[in-house]
Each structure stands twice: as structure tokens, then as C-alpha cells.
C-alpha atoms as a PDB file:
ATOM      1  CA  MET A   1      21.714 -12.247 -17.256  1.00  0.00           C
ATOM      2  CA  LEU A   2      20.437  -9.931 -14.535  1.00  0.00           C
ATOM      3  CA  LEU A   3      16.692  -9.441 -14.109  1.00  0.00           C
ATOM      4  CA  ILE A   4      15.243  -6.498 -12.162  1.00  0.00           C
ATOM      5  CA  ALA A   5      11.580  -6.055 -11.231  1.00  0.00           C
ATOM      6  CA  ARG A   6      10.120  -3.112  -9.360  1.00  0.00           C
ATOM      7  CA  ALA A   7       6.649  -2.383  -8.007  1.00  0.00           C
ATOM      8  CA  PRO A   8       5.528   0.975  -6.567  1.00  0.00           C
ATOM      9  CA  VAL A   9       4.123   1.610  -3.111  1.00  0.00           C
ATOM     10  CA  ARG A  10       0.826   3.458  -2.717  1.00  0.00           C
ATOM     11  CA  ILE A  11      -1.195   5.894  -0.676  1.00  0.00           C
ATOM     12  CA  SER A  12      -4.944   5.372  -0.379  1.00  0.00           C
ATOM     13  CA  PHE A  13      -7.328   8.257   0.161  1.00  0.00           C
ATOM     14  CA  ALA A  14     -10.585   6.527   1.143  1.00  0.00           C
ATOM     15  CA  GLY A  15     -12.191   3.107   1.207  1.00  0.00           C
ATOM     16  CA  GLY A  16      -9.477   1.264   3.125  1.00  0.00           C
ATOM     17  CA  GLY A  17     -11.088  -1.609   5.020  1.00  0.00           C
ATOM     18  CA  THR A  18     -13.738  -2.210   2.371  1.00  0.00           C
ATOM     19  CA  ASP A  19     -11.116  -4.247   0.477  1.00  0.00           C
ATOM     20  CA  LEU A  20     -11.054  -6.852   3.273  1.00  0.00           C
ATOM     21  CA  PRO A  21     -12.890 -10.055   2.252  1.00  0.00           C
ATOM     22  CA  ALA A  22     -15.016  -9.880   5.415  1.00  0.00           C
ATOM     23  CA  TYR A  23     -16.546  -6.681   4.021  1.00  0.00           C
ATOM     24  CA  PHE A  24     -16.527  -6.830   0.225  1.00  0.00           C
ATOM     25  CA  MET A  25     -17.825 -10.395  -0.009  1.00  0.00           C
ATOM     26  CA  ARG A  26     -21.075  -9.089   1.551  1.00  0.00           C
ATOM     27  CA  TYR A  27     -21.328  -5.463   0.516  1.00  0.00           C
ATOM     28  CA  GLY A  28     -18.814  -4.826  -2.244  1.00  0.00           C
ATOM     29  CA  GLY A  29     -15.924  -2.455  -1.630  1.00  0.00           C
ATOM     30  CA  GLN A  30     -13.940   0.253  -3.368  1.00  0.00           C
ATOM     31  CA  VAL A  31     -10.775   2.229  -2.747  1.00  0.00           C
ATOM     32  CA  LEU A  32      -9.322   5.397  -4.251  1.00  0.00           C
ATOM     33  CA  SER A  33      -5.509   5.245  -4.303  1.00  0.00           C
ATOM     34  CA  VAL A  34      -2.419   6.381  -6.183  1.00  0.00           C
ATOM     35  CA  THR A  35       1.016   4.800  -6.526  1.00  0.00           C
ATOM     36  CA  LEU A  36       4.217   6.710  -5.799  1.00  0.00           C
ATOM     37  CA  ASN A  37       7.692   6.812  -7.297  1.00  0.00           C
ATOM     38  CA  ARG A  38       9.076   4.764  -4.417  1.00  0.00           C
ATOM     39  CA  TYR A  39       9.587   1.096  -5.224  1.00  0.00           C
ATOM     40  CA  VAL A  40      10.221  -2.391  -3.907  1.00  0.00           C
ATOM     41  CA  TYR A  41      12.886  -4.086  -6.024  1.00  0.00           C
ATOM     42  CA  THR A  42      13.578  -7.737  -6.757  1.00  0.00           C
ATOM     43  CA  ILE A  43      16.891  -8.544  -8.435  1.00  0.00           C
ATOM     44  CA  LEU A  44      17.547 -12.037  -9.813  1.00  0.00           C
ATOM     45  CA  SER A  45      20.872 -13.401 -11.026  1.00  0.00           C
ATOM     46  CA  PRO A  46      22.168 -16.926 -11.653  1.00  0.00           C
ATOM     47  CA  ALA A  47      23.815 -18.878  -8.815  1.00  0.00           C
ATOM     48  CA  PRO A  48      25.670 -22.214  -9.000  1.00  0.00           C
ATOM     49  CA  ARG A  49      23.217 -24.439  -7.110  1.00  0.00           C
ATOM     50  CA  ALA A  50      20.708 -23.363  -4.446  1.00  0.00           C
ATOM     51  CA  ALA A  51      18.298 -20.433  -4.377  1.00  0.00           C
ATOM     52  CA  HIS A  52      19.606 -17.736  -2.063  1.00  0.00           C
ATOM     53  CA  LEU A  53      17.224 -15.084  -0.720  1.00  0.00           C
ATOM     54  CA  ILE A  54      18.705 -11.850   0.636  1.00  0.00           C
ATOM     55  CA  SER A  55      16.720  -8.964   2.130  1.00  0.00           C
ATOM     56  CA  ALA A  56      18.356  -5.560   2.482  1.00  0.00           C
ATOM     57  CA  ASN A  57      15.539  -4.191   4.655  1.00  0.00           C
ATOM     58  CA  TYR A  58      15.719  -6.962   7.253  1.00  0.00           C
ATOM     59  CA  SER A  59      19.454  -7.760   6.909  1.00  0.00           C
ATOM     60  CA  LEU A  60      18.563 -11.419   6.455  1.00  0.00           C
ATOM     61  CA  PHE A  61      19.896 -14.261   4.371  1.00  0.00           C
ATOM     62  CA  HIS A  62      18.011 -17.465   3.602  1.00  0.00           C
ATOM     63  CA  GLN A  63      18.854 -20.552   1.552  1.00  0.00           C
ATOM     64  CA  TYR A  64      15.694 -22.043   0.093  1.00  0.00           C
ATOM     65  CA  ALA A  65      15.160 -25.765   0.604  1.00  0.00           C
ATOM     66  CA  PRO A  66      11.624 -27.063  -0.126  1.00  0.00           C
ATOM     67  CA  ASP A  67      11.914 -30.163   2.066  1.00  0.00           C
ATOM     68  CA  ARG A  68      13.009 -28.113   5.061  1.00  0.00           C
ATOM     69  CA  ASP A  69      10.830 -25.016   4.850  1.00  0.00           C
ATOM     70  CA  ALA A  70       7.440 -26.334   5.858  1.00  0.00           C
ATOM     71  CA  MET A  71       6.878 -23.545   8.398  1.00  0.00           C
ATOM     72  CA  TRP A  72       6.371 -19.990   7.134  1.00  0.00           C
ATOM     73  CA  ASP A  73       7.259 -17.556   9.878  1.00  0.00           C
ATOM     74  CA  GLY A  74       9.522 -14.604  10.490  1.00  0.00           C
ATOM     75  CA  ASN A  75      10.238 -11.557   8.361  1.00  0.00           C
ATOM     76  CA  LEU A  76      10.870 -13.615   5.215  1.00  0.00           C
ATOM     77  CA  SER A  77       7.676 -15.672   5.376  1.00  0.00           C
ATOM     78  CA  LEU A  78       6.131 -13.875   2.385  1.00  0.00           C
ATOM     79  CA  PRO A  79       9.084 -14.153  -0.031  1.00  0.00           C
ATOM     80  CA  ARG A  80       9.612 -17.770   1.024  1.00  0.00           C
ATOM     81  CA  ALA A  81       5.963 -18.545   0.281  1.00  0.00           C
ATOM     82  CA  ILE A  82       6.289 -16.906  -3.137  1.00  0.00           C
ATOM     83  CA  LEU A  83       9.353 -19.021  -3.880  1.00  0.00           C
ATOM     84  CA  GLU A  84       7.350 -22.115  -2.975  1.00  0.00           C
ATOM     85  CA  ALA A  85       4.560 -21.087  -5.387  1.00  0.00           C
ATOM     86  CA  PHE A  86       7.082 -21.227  -8.235  1.00  0.00           C
ATOM     87  CA  GLY A  87       8.385 -24.645  -7.228  1.00  0.00           C
ATOM     88  CA  SER A  88      12.098 -25.236  -7.245  1.00  0.00           C
ATOM     89  CA  PRO A  89      13.569 -22.090  -8.835  1.00  0.00           C
ATOM     90  CA  GLY A  90      17.009 -23.649  -9.324  1.00  0.00           C
ATOM     91  CA  GLY A  91      20.219 -21.783  -8.725  1.00  0.00           C
ATOM     92  CA  ILE A  92      19.476 -18.082  -8.298  1.00  0.00           C
ATOM     93  CA  ASP A  93      20.457 -15.215  -6.086  1.00  0.00           C
ATOM     94  CA  LEU A  94      17.294 -13.290  -5.190  1.00  0.00           C
ATOM     95  CA  PHE A  95      17.822  -9.864  -3.634  1.00  0.00           C
ATOM     96  CA  ILE A  96      14.929  -7.728  -2.374  1.00  0.00           C
ATOM     97  CA  ALA A  97      15.062  -4.112  -1.215  1.00  0.00           C
ATOM     98  CA  ALA A  98      12.576  -1.296  -0.657  1.00  0.00           C
ATOM     99  CA  GLN A  99      12.868   2.474  -0.851  1.00  0.00           C
ATOM    100  CA  VAL A 100      10.599   2.860   2.178  1.00  0.00           C
ATOM    101  CA  PRO A 101      10.881   1.341   5.660  1.00  0.00           C
ATOM    102  CA  PRO A 102       8.686  -1.717   6.289  1.00  0.00           C
ATOM    103  CA  GLY A 103       5.565  -1.264   8.395  1.00  0.00           C
ATOM    104  CA  THR A 104       4.952   2.365   7.426  1.00  0.00           C
ATOM    105  CA  GLY A 105       1.525   2.079   5.790  1.00  0.00           C
ATOM    106  CA  LEU A 106       2.524   2.413   2.141  1.00  0.00           C
ATOM    107  CA  GLY A 107       1.555  -1.136   1.178  1.00  0.00           C
ATOM    108  CA  SER A 108       5.140  -2.349   0.832  1.00  0.00           C
ATOM    109  CA  SER A 109       4.315  -6.008   1.528  1.00  0.00           C
ATOM    110  CA  GLY A 110       1.879  -6.049  -1.381  1.00  0.00           C
ATOM    111  CA  SER A 111       4.489  -4.306  -3.546  1.00  0.00           C
ATOM    112  CA  LEU A 112       7.069  -6.885  -2.484  1.00  0.00           C
ATOM    113  CA  ALA A 113       4.762  -9.740  -3.461  1.00  0.00           C
ATOM    114  CA  VAL A 114       3.979  -8.183  -6.853  1.00  0.00           C
ATOM    115  CA  SER A 115       7.642  -7.396  -7.541  1.00  0.00           C
ATOM    116  CA  MET A 116       8.805 -10.909  -6.648  1.00  0.00           C
ATOM    117  CA  ILE A 117       6.056 -12.644  -8.619  1.00  0.00           C
ATOM    118  CA  ALA A 118       6.738 -10.535 -11.718  1.00  0.00           C
ATOM    119  CA  ALA A 119      10.465 -11.275 -11.462  1.00  0.00           C
ATOM    120  CA  LEU A 120      10.087 -15.023 -10.906  1.00  0.00           C
ATOM    121  CA  ALA A 121       7.441 -15.287 -13.641  1.00  0.00           C
ATOM    122  CA  ALA A 122       9.759 -13.610 -16.143  1.00  0.00           C
ATOM    123  CA  TRP A 123      12.688 -15.778 -14.998  1.00  0.00           C
ATOM    124  CA  SER A 124      10.585 -18.955 -15.307  1.00  0.00           C
ATOM    125  CA  GLY A 125       9.046 -18.021 -18.661  1.00  0.00           C
ATOM    126  CA  TRP A 126       5.530 -17.600 -17.290  1.00  0.00           C
ATOM    127  CA  SER A 127       3.264 -15.132 -19.072  1.00  0.00           C
ATOM    128  CA  LEU A 128       1.162 -13.365 -16.430  1.00  0.00           C
ATOM    129  CA  SER A 129      -1.038 -10.301 -16.869  1.00  0.00           C
ATOM    130  CA  ARG A 130      -1.035  -7.522 -14.277  1.00  0.00           C
ATOM    131  CA  ALA A 131      -4.338  -8.828 -12.904  1.00  0.00           C
ATOM    132  CA  GLU A 132      -2.938 -12.360 -12.648  1.00  0.00           C
ATOM    133  CA  ILE A 133       0.163 -11.118 -10.831  1.00  0.00           C
ATOM    134  CA  ALA A 134      -1.995  -9.162  -8.371  1.00  0.00           C
ATOM    135  CA  GLU A 135      -4.390 -12.044  -7.787  1.00  0.00           C
ATOM    136  CA  LEU A 136      -1.561 -14.536  -7.189  1.00  0.00           C
ATOM    137  CA  ALA A 137      -0.076 -12.098  -4.675  1.00  0.00           C
ATOM    138  CA  CYS A 138      -3.464 -11.884  -2.907  1.00  0.00           C
ATOM    139  CA  GLN A 139      -3.812 -15.660  -2.902  1.00  0.00           C
ATOM    140  CA  ILE A 140      -0.408 -16.152  -1.288  1.00  0.00           C
ATOM    141  CA  GLU A 141      -0.819 -13.397   1.306  1.00  0.00           C
ATOM    142  CA  ILE A 142      -4.451 -13.977   2.266  1.00  0.00           C
ATOM    143  CA  GLU A 143      -5.076 -17.675   1.641  1.00  0.00           C
ATOM    144  CA  ARG A 144      -1.661 -19.328   1.897  1.00  0.00           C
ATOM    145  CA  LEU A 145      -0.259 -17.268   4.786  1.00  0.00           C
ATOM    146  CA  GLY A 146      -3.532 -16.182   6.391  1.00  0.00           C
ATOM    147  CA  MET A 147      -2.409 -12.563   6.607  1.00  0.00           C
ATOM    148  CA  PRO A 148      -5.269 -10.221   7.658  1.00  0.00           C
ATOM    149  CA  VAL A 149      -4.863  -7.930   4.657  1.00  0.00           C
ATOM    150  CA  GLY A 150      -7.115  -6.696   1.887  1.00  0.00           C
ATOM    151  CA  LYS A 151      -6.595  -6.674  -1.857  1.00  0.00           C
ATOM    152  CA  GLN A 152      -5.943  -3.023  -2.609  1.00  0.00           C
ATOM    153  CA  ASP A 153      -2.146  -3.008  -2.210  1.00  0.00           C
ATOM    154  CA  GLN A 154      -1.456  -5.821  -4.662  1.00  0.00           C
ATOM    155  CA  TYR A 155      -3.671  -4.404  -7.405  1.00  0.00           C
ATOM    156  CA  ALA A 156      -2.352  -0.865  -6.921  1.00  0.00           C
ATOM    157  CA  ALA A 157       1.253  -2.085  -7.198  1.00  0.00           C
ATOM    158  CA  ALA A 158       0.532  -4.184 -10.281  1.00  0.00           C
ATOM    159  CA  PHE A 159      -1.408  -1.546 -12.245  1.00  0.00           C
ATOM    160  CA  GLY A 160       0.086   1.732 -10.989  1.00  0.00           C
ATOM    161  CA  GLY A 161      -1.477   5.176 -11.295  1.00  0.00           C
ATOM    162  CA  LEU A 162      -4.475   6.913  -9.742  1.00  0.00           C
ATOM    163  CA  ASN A 163      -7.327   4.407  -9.656  1.00  0.00           C
ATOM    164  CA  ARG A 164     -10.682   3.562  -8.239  1.00  0.00           C
ATOM    165  CA  ILE A 165     -10.378  -0.151  -7.423  1.00  0.00           C
ATOM    166  CA  ARG A 166     -13.619  -2.093  -6.914  1.00  0.00           C
ATOM    167  CA  PHE A 167     -13.922  -5.381  -5.012  1.00  0.00           C
ATOM    168  CA  ASP A 168     -16.827  -7.822  -5.081  1.00  0.00           C
ATOM    169  CA  PRO A 169     -17.341 -11.608  -4.849  1.00  0.00           C
ATOM    170  CA  HIS A 170     -16.854 -11.926  -8.621  1.00  0.00           C
ATOM    171  CA  GLY A 171     -13.452 -10.237  -8.806  1.00  0.00           C
ATOM    172  CA  VAL A 172     -11.544  -6.956  -8.809  1.00  0.00           C
ATOM    173  CA  THR A 173     -11.920  -4.086 -11.293  1.00  0.00           C
ATOM    174  CA  VAL A 174      -9.295  -1.351 -11.709  1.00  0.00           C
ATOM    175  CA  GLU A 175     -10.603   1.918 -13.178  1.00  0.00           C
ATOM    176  CA  ARG A 176      -8.048   4.636 -14.023  1.00  0.00           C
ATOM    177  CA  VAL A 177      -8.973   8.149 -12.846  1.00  0.00           C
ATOM    178  CA  HIS A 178      -7.841  10.651 -15.479  1.00  0.00           C
ATOM    179  CA  LEU A 179      -6.855  14.159 -14.401  1.00  0.00           C
ATOM    180  CA  ALA A 180      -5.969  17.184 -16.490  1.00  0.00           C
ATOM    181  CA  PRO A 181      -2.171  17.698 -16.397  1.00  0.00           C
ATOM    182  CA  GLU A 182      -2.366  20.938 -14.428  1.00  0.00           C
ATOM    183  CA  ILE A 183      -4.699  19.349 -11.842  1.00  0.00           C
ATOM    184  CA  ARG A 184      -2.390  16.357 -11.423  1.00  0.00           C
ATOM    185  CA  GLN A 185       0.657  18.604 -10.953  1.00  0.00           C
ATOM    186  CA  ALA A 186      -1.156  20.716  -8.367  1.00  0.00           C
ATOM    187  CA  LEU A 187      -2.285  17.593  -6.499  1.00  0.00           C
ATOM    188  CA  GLU A 188       1.279  16.243  -6.404  1.00  0.00           C
ATOM    189  CA  ARG A 189       2.517  19.549  -4.942  1.00  0.00           C
ATOM    190  CA  ARG A 190      -0.203  19.814  -2.327  1.00  0.00           C
ATOM    191  CA  LEU A 191      -0.052  16.247  -1.025  1.00  0.00           C
ATOM    192  CA  ARG A 192       2.743  16.027   1.551  1.00  0.00           C
ATOM    193  CA  LEU A 193       4.108  12.942   3.311  1.00  0.00           C
ATOM    194  CA  PHE A 194       5.782  13.120   6.724  1.00  0.00           C
ATOM    195  CA  TYR A 195       7.413  10.137   8.406  1.00  0.00           C
ATOM    196  CA  THR A 196       6.370   9.886  12.054  1.00  0.00           C
ATOM    197  CA  GLY A 197       9.316   7.651  12.954  1.00  0.00           C
ATOM    198  CA  GLN A 198       6.879   5.042  14.238  1.00  0.00           C
ATOM    199  CA  ALA A 199       6.814   1.788  12.262  1.00  0.00           C
ATOM    200  CA  ARG A 200       4.157  -0.742  13.217  1.00  0.00           C
ATOM    201  CA  PRO A 201       2.840  -4.141  12.125  1.00  0.00           C
ATOM    202  CA  SER A 202      -0.666  -3.625  10.775  1.00  0.00           C
ATOM    203  CA  SER A 203      -1.839  -7.172  11.540  1.00  0.00           C
ATOM    204  CA  ARG A 204      -3.259  -6.391  14.992  1.00  0.00           C
ATOM    205  CA  ILE A 205      -5.303  -3.440  13.716  1.00  0.00           C
ATOM    206  CA  LEU A 206      -6.551  -5.319  10.652  1.00  0.00           C
ATOM    207  CA  LYS A 207      -7.437  -8.432  12.638  1.00  0.00           C
ATOM    208  CA  ALA A 208      -9.572  -6.373  15.020  1.00  0.00           C
ATOM    209  CA  GLN A 209     -11.230  -4.563  12.132  1.00  0.00           C
ATOM    210  CA  GLN A 210     -11.851  -7.785  10.221  1.00  0.00           C
ATOM    211  CA  GLN A 211     -13.373  -9.441  13.285  1.00  0.00           C
ATOM    212  CA  ALA A 212     -15.645  -6.479  13.945  1.00  0.00           C
ATOM    213  CA  THR A 213     -16.778  -6.555  10.309  1.00  0.00           C
ATOM    214  CA  ALA A 214     -17.421 -10.304  10.368  1.00  0.00           C
ATOM    215  CA  GLU A 215     -19.443  -9.898  13.567  1.00  0.00           C
ATOM    216  CA  GLU A 216     -21.418  -7.077  11.904  1.00  0.00           C
ATOM    217  CA  ASP A 217     -20.526  -4.454  14.474  1.00  0.00           C
ATOM    218  CA  PRO A 218     -23.009  -1.701  13.537  1.00  0.00           C
ATOM    219  CA  GLN A 219     -20.627   1.199  14.224  1.00  0.00           C
ATOM    220  CA  VAL A 220     -17.791  -0.312  12.189  1.00  0.00           C
ATOM    221  CA  LEU A 221     -20.108  -1.182   9.299  1.00  0.00           C
ATOM    222  CA  ARG A 222     -21.614   2.315   9.299  1.00  0.00           C
ATOM    223  CA  ARG A 223     -18.159   3.893   9.041  1.00  0.00           C
ATOM    224  CA  LEU A 224     -17.066   1.511   6.280  1.00  0.00           C
ATOM    225  CA  HIS A 225     -20.239   2.215   4.291  1.00  0.00           C
ATOM    226  CA  LEU A 226     -19.580   5.957   4.562  1.00  0.00           C
ATOM    227  CA  LEU A 227     -15.910   5.560   3.608  1.00  0.00           C
ATOM    228  CA  LYS A 228     -17.004   3.656   0.513  1.00  0.00           C
ATOM    229  CA  VAL A 229     -19.313   6.507  -0.510  1.00  0.00           C
ATOM    230  CA  LEU A 230     -16.515   9.040   0.021  1.00  0.00           C
ATOM    231  CA  VAL A 231     -14.514   7.314  -2.731  1.00  0.00           C
ATOM    232  CA  GLU A 232     -17.012   8.541  -5.316  1.00  0.00           C
ATOM    233  CA  ASP A 233     -17.175  12.033  -3.803  1.00  0.00           C
ATOM    234  CA  MET A 234     -13.381  12.328  -3.805  1.00  0.00           C
ATOM    235  CA  GLU A 235     -13.099  11.124  -7.390  1.00  0.00           C
ATOM    236  CA  GLU A 236     -15.647  13.737  -8.479  1.00  0.00           C
ATOM    237  CA  CYS A 237     -13.727  16.520  -6.706  1.00  0.00           C
ATOM    238  CA  LEU A 238     -10.479  15.461  -8.371  1.00  0.00           C
ATOM    239  CA  THR A 239     -11.843  15.170 -11.889  1.00  0.00           C
ATOM    240  CA  MET A 240     -13.629  18.532 -11.531  1.00  0.00           C
ATOM    241  CA  GLY A 241     -10.433  20.191 -10.275  1.00  0.00           C
ATOM    242  CA  ASN A 242     -11.870  20.972  -6.827  1.00  0.00           C
ATOM    243  CA  LEU A 243      -8.695  20.064  -4.939  1.00  0.00           C
ATOM    244  CA  ASP A 244      -9.548  21.936  -1.753  1.00  0.00           C
ATOM    245  CA  GLY A 245     -12.864  20.087  -1.672  1.00  0.00           C
ATOM    246  CA  PHE A 246     -10.880  16.849  -1.991  1.00  0.00           C
ATOM    247  CA  GLY A 247      -8.724  17.937   0.951  1.00  0.00           C
ATOM    248  CA  ARG A 248     -11.771  18.533   3.139  1.00  0.00           C
ATOM    249  CA  LEU A 249     -13.122  15.097   2.224  1.00  0.00           C
ATOM    250  CA  LEU A 250      -9.757  13.635   3.222  1.00  0.00           C
ATOM    251  CA  HIS A 251     -10.330  15.097   6.693  1.00  0.00           C
ATOM    252  CA  GLU A 252     -13.817  13.597   6.777  1.00  0.00           C
ATOM    253  CA  ALA A 253     -12.422  10.203   5.764  1.00  0.00           C
ATOM    254  CA  TRP A 254      -9.796  10.339   8.528  1.00  0.00           C
ATOM    255  CA  THR A 255     -12.443  11.195  11.110  1.00  0.00           C
ATOM    256  CA  LEU A 256     -14.354   8.079  10.073  1.00  0.00           C
ATOM    257  CA  LYS A 257     -11.303   5.839   9.762  1.00  0.00           C
ATOM    258  CA  ARG A 258      -9.790   6.606  13.165  1.00  0.00           C
ATOM    259  CA  GLY A 259     -12.997   5.337  14.776  1.00  0.00           C
ATOM    260  CA  LEU A 260     -12.684   1.867  13.228  1.00  0.00           C
ATOM    261  CA  ALA A 261     -10.212   0.640  15.872  1.00  0.00           C
ATOM    262  CA  SER A 262      -8.516   2.333  18.824  1.00  0.00           C
ATOM    263  CA  PRO A 263      -4.868   1.635  17.768  1.00  0.00           C
ATOM    264  CA  ILE A 264      -5.321   3.457  14.425  1.00  0.00           C
ATOM    265  CA  SER A 265      -4.232   6.721  16.047  1.00  0.00           C
ATOM    266  CA  ASN A 266      -2.426   7.780  19.224  1.00  0.00           C
ATOM    267  CA  ASP A 267      -1.737  10.951  21.204  1.00  0.00           C
ATOM    268  CA  PHE A 268       1.348  11.882  19.182  1.00  0.00           C
ATOM    269  CA  ILE A 269      -0.399  11.404  15.832  1.00  0.00           C
ATOM    270  CA  ASP A 270      -3.404  13.393  17.055  1.00  0.00           C
ATOM    271  CA  ARG A 271      -1.170  16.267  18.193  1.00  0.00           C
ATOM    272  CA  CYS A 272       0.671  16.327  14.877  1.00  0.00           C
ATOM    273  CA  TYR A 273      -2.545  16.258  12.893  1.00  0.00           C
ATOM    274  CA  ALA A 274      -4.122  19.028  14.985  1.00  0.00           C
ATOM    275  CA  ALA A 275      -0.981  21.153  14.533  1.00  0.00           C
ATOM    276  CA  SER A 276      -1.031  20.601  10.773  1.00  0.00           C
ATOM    277  CA  ARG A 277      -4.635  21.777  10.618  1.00  0.00           C
ATOM    278  CA  GLU A 278      -3.778  24.890  12.621  1.00  0.00           C
ATOM    279  CA  ALA A 279      -0.960  25.562  10.149  1.00  0.00           C
ATOM    280  CA  GLY A 280      -3.352  25.385   7.212  1.00  0.00           C
ATOM    281  CA  ALA A 281      -3.696  21.750   6.118  1.00  0.00           C
ATOM    282  CA  LEU A 282      -7.272  21.000   5.087  1.00  0.00           C
ATOM    283  CA  GLY A 283      -7.158  17.258   5.645  1.00  0.00           C
ATOM    284  CA  GLY A 284      -4.985  14.223   6.031  1.00  0.00           C
ATOM    285  CA  LYS A 285      -4.638  10.745   7.444  1.00  0.00           C
ATOM    286  CA  ILE A 286      -2.159   8.172   8.671  1.00  0.00           C
ATOM    287  CA  THR A 287      -1.233   5.921   5.762  1.00  0.00           C
ATOM    288  CA  GLY A 288      -2.264   2.281   5.730  1.00  0.00           C
ATOM    289  CA  ALA A 289      -3.991   0.619   8.653  1.00  0.00           C
ATOM    290  CA  GLY A 290      -2.749   3.268  11.079  1.00  0.00           C
ATOM    291  CA  GLY A 291      -0.781   3.296  14.310  1.00  0.00           C
ATOM    292  CA  GLY A 292       2.304   4.927  12.775  1.00  0.00           C
ATOM    293  CA  GLY A 293       4.103   5.221   9.490  1.00  0.00           C
ATOM    294  CA  PHE A 294       3.560   8.313   7.341  1.00  0.00           C
ATOM    295  CA  LEU A 295       1.216  11.224   7.931  1.00  0.00           C
ATOM    296  CA  LEU A 296      -0.339  12.261   4.615  1.00  0.00           C
ATOM    297  CA  LEU A 297      -1.539  15.885   4.457  1.00  0.00           C
ATOM    298  CA  TYR A 298      -3.317  17.980   1.853  1.00  0.00           C
ATOM    299  CA  CYS A 299      -2.156  21.623   1.940  1.00  0.00           C
ATOM    300  CA  PRO A 300      -3.381  24.578  -0.129  1.00  0.00           C
ATOM    301  CA  GLU A 301      -0.550  26.299  -1.998  1.00  0.00           C
ATOM    302  CA  ASP A 302      -0.112  29.089   0.547  1.00  0.00           C
ATOM    303  CA  ALA A 303       0.082  26.626   3.469  1.00  0.00           C
ATOM    304  CA  ILE A 304       2.641  24.124   2.132  1.00  0.00           C
ATOM    305  CA  GLU A 305       5.725  25.834   3.587  1.00  0.00           C
ATOM    306  CA  ARG A 306       4.051  26.646   6.898  1.00  0.00           C
ATOM    307  CA  VAL A 307       2.772  23.075   7.384  1.00  0.00           C
ATOM    308  CA  THR A 308       6.178  21.623   6.461  1.00  0.00           C
ATOM    309  CA  GLU A 309       7.930  23.837   9.016  1.00  0.00           C
ATOM    310  CA  THR A 310       5.397  22.891  11.703  1.00  0.00           C
ATOM    311  CA  MET A 311       5.737  19.156  11.093  1.00  0.00           C
ATOM    312  CA  THR A 312       9.531  19.384  11.001  1.00  0.00           C
ATOM    313  CA  ARG A 313       9.581  21.183  14.364  1.00  0.00           C
ATOM    314  CA  MET A 314       7.507  18.329  15.799  1.00  0.00           C
ATOM    315  CA  GLY A 315      10.110  15.809  14.666  1.00  0.00           C
ATOM    316  CA  LEU A 316       8.459  14.483  11.516  1.00  0.00           C
ATOM    317  CA  LYS A 317      10.562  14.009   8.392  1.00  0.00           C
ATOM    318  CA  PRO A 318       9.175  15.127   5.007  1.00  0.00           C
ATOM    319  CA  MET A 319       9.477  12.772   2.030  1.00  0.00           C
ATOM    320  CA  ASP A 320       9.119  14.248  -1.451  1.00  0.00           C
ATOM    321  CA  VAL A 321       7.218  12.013  -3.833  1.00  0.00           C
ATOM    322  CA  ALA A 322       5.637  12.044  -7.258  1.00  0.00           C
ATOM    323  CA  PHE A 323       2.996   9.776  -8.738  1.00  0.00           C
ATOM    324  CA  ASP A 324       3.855   6.575 -10.595  1.00  0.00           C
ATOM    325  CA  ASP A 325       1.830   5.572 -13.661  1.00  0.00           C
ATOM    326  CA  GLU A 326       3.628   2.395 -14.720  1.00  0.00           C
ATOM    327  CA  GLY A 327       2.915  -0.161 -12.000  1.00  0.00           C
ATOM    328  CA  VAL A 328       5.089  -3.265 -11.899  1.00  0.00           C
ATOM    329  CA  GLN A 329       7.910  -3.376 -14.459  1.00  0.00           C
ATOM    330  CA  VAL A 330      10.569  -5.932 -15.357  1.00  0.00           C
ATOM    331  CA  PHE A 331      13.950  -5.053 -16.864  1.00  0.00           C
ATOM    332  CA  ARG A 332      16.534  -7.463 -18.305  1.00  0.00           C
ATOM    333  CA  VAL A 333      20.246  -6.695 -18.308  1.00  0.00           C
ATOM    334  CA  GLU A 334      22.390  -8.995 -20.429  1.00  0.00           C
END
């Protein structure tokens, strides 16, 4: 038997940073995000004895041995920790691969965790809900490995779709945002992703942001409070069909976000963003924590081609995407 699990990556529009425990445990947080039809895959198949872990993205091979793997470091620290959470998995070949480069701000580590957990749960006969898969992924990333990440990526990957995700000390709530079909199609056309060619680890940015939040830096807290409010304003624009208004709020959110920590943007990103605005984009942002990855832009219909040409001339690579509504899925092949 072959078992395949996939979990989508995501783009978030506003509220990033309020999903960090340092913030939402005090003030409550919320994020507006949507998942894309780009996935992180986990493929399981039987093996004679040991558990073999292979990563296409990092060109790495690892043989799991519980008595030897006390230290969790390197590029495979997360999948190794997930394997440990399931105990001795027996003889399996576990292959992981992503349709996006790592470190590009699309939440691929959270998608990897959700994909692996769903696959191993199905292989082991565990019955886990989407919320349980997401929460186990958060527990492993945040508590077990001490990664300075929030909870939005894991829940987005598990549930899929366009959602407002709320975080508070009592738990996480995922609320689907429903759009009329013609509004959804227009939004998909007008949102454009451009790869900057700059991959970056988000840990340094998130650590600085988390520390500033924990220390109650007034400027950081003010920006996070405003970003949280923008989630509601953006949702209202989308449901009312005011897409250009949503695009302008995206610009407002980026202006707030880039002031959270200095490495979030750089001269090249600023030049690209300024050029996109001159070409007609109403708003945008760097995906994820910032520092590189993909530049997300909202373009009115008559500016899409002009913005794409401008970004291409500056060396950015467009990536066509559509929204995903399914979240994590598991397929069995006999």
C-alpha cells in the first residue's frame, strides 16, 4: 500500500504576528489568510526494517533510530520530531517534497508538519480531526522544538480555504469567509505572486518580534493591535465585493508590518514594491515573516499585465496560483 498526504501552503493578508503566543495569550489575535493550490507532500510506503526519511527539498536522507536521535537539529529536525511523536513507526519509507522552495514565507514548515502528521496518523490507525492535527503540529513546533512561530500556518494548512482564524488562551477558532463565486474568481485573478529569489529563515525576525511583544514594546504592540483590526476591515471589503478597497487595506497592512522589525524588508524589496505601485498595484506585502520569499500584490484588472511586466523586468518570477478549499487530504493507493 502507498499512502499520500498533502497540505496546502498559505498567504496571509493581515494579522500576522498576533498569532504568536507572546501576543495572543494577553490580547487575543486573529489572522485573515487563504490556502493555495501548492502543496507539501508526504508519501509513505512499507520498508523491510527501519524507518527511512527522505527529503527532496533538502536532498537529505535519514534513518530513524530513537535511541540515537536525542538531538533535534538541522534541516530535518521537524520531521524527525514528528516521527518521535508517533513512537517507533516500524519499517517505512517516508518521502517529503514541497511545490514551493523552503523559507519563502508561504508557511511550508507548518504545511509539512500537518502533512506528515496526517500521513502517520492514517498509517498508524489514529483518528485525528483537522483541529487535532493542527494542534499537534503546533505543539511539536512551538513546545517540543522551541521554534519561534505562531499558530496560523498549521491551522490554515489543516482546514484550507479563506478563513479568519482567531487565537486566544482558550484555543483556536477557524471561521470560513464565504465569497460570491464571481468575487472569488476576480480576487484570484488580481492577487499576483512574484518570487524575489531571496529565501530566508524567518526565525531571526520572529524571535525579535516575539521578544519585543513580550517586553511590551509600545510601538510594536500598537502596530499589532492595528493589524488585528485590519483583519475585520479586510473581511468586510471582501464579502461586500469591494476588492479595490481590500487592495488599499493590504497596502496599509504592509506599512504597519514592515515597521515591526528592521529585517522584514530591504532595499531591493522596497524598490520592487514602489515600482509595482507605480505600475498600478494598489497594495501588497512580502509573504510570511518577511526578509525575502514572495512578493504578493493586488492589481486592478487593467494593471495586471503592466505590473507583471514591471516585476519581470526587475528579475522577479511570477507564480500562477489558485485558492485551495480542501486543506489536508490523505489518499491511499493499493
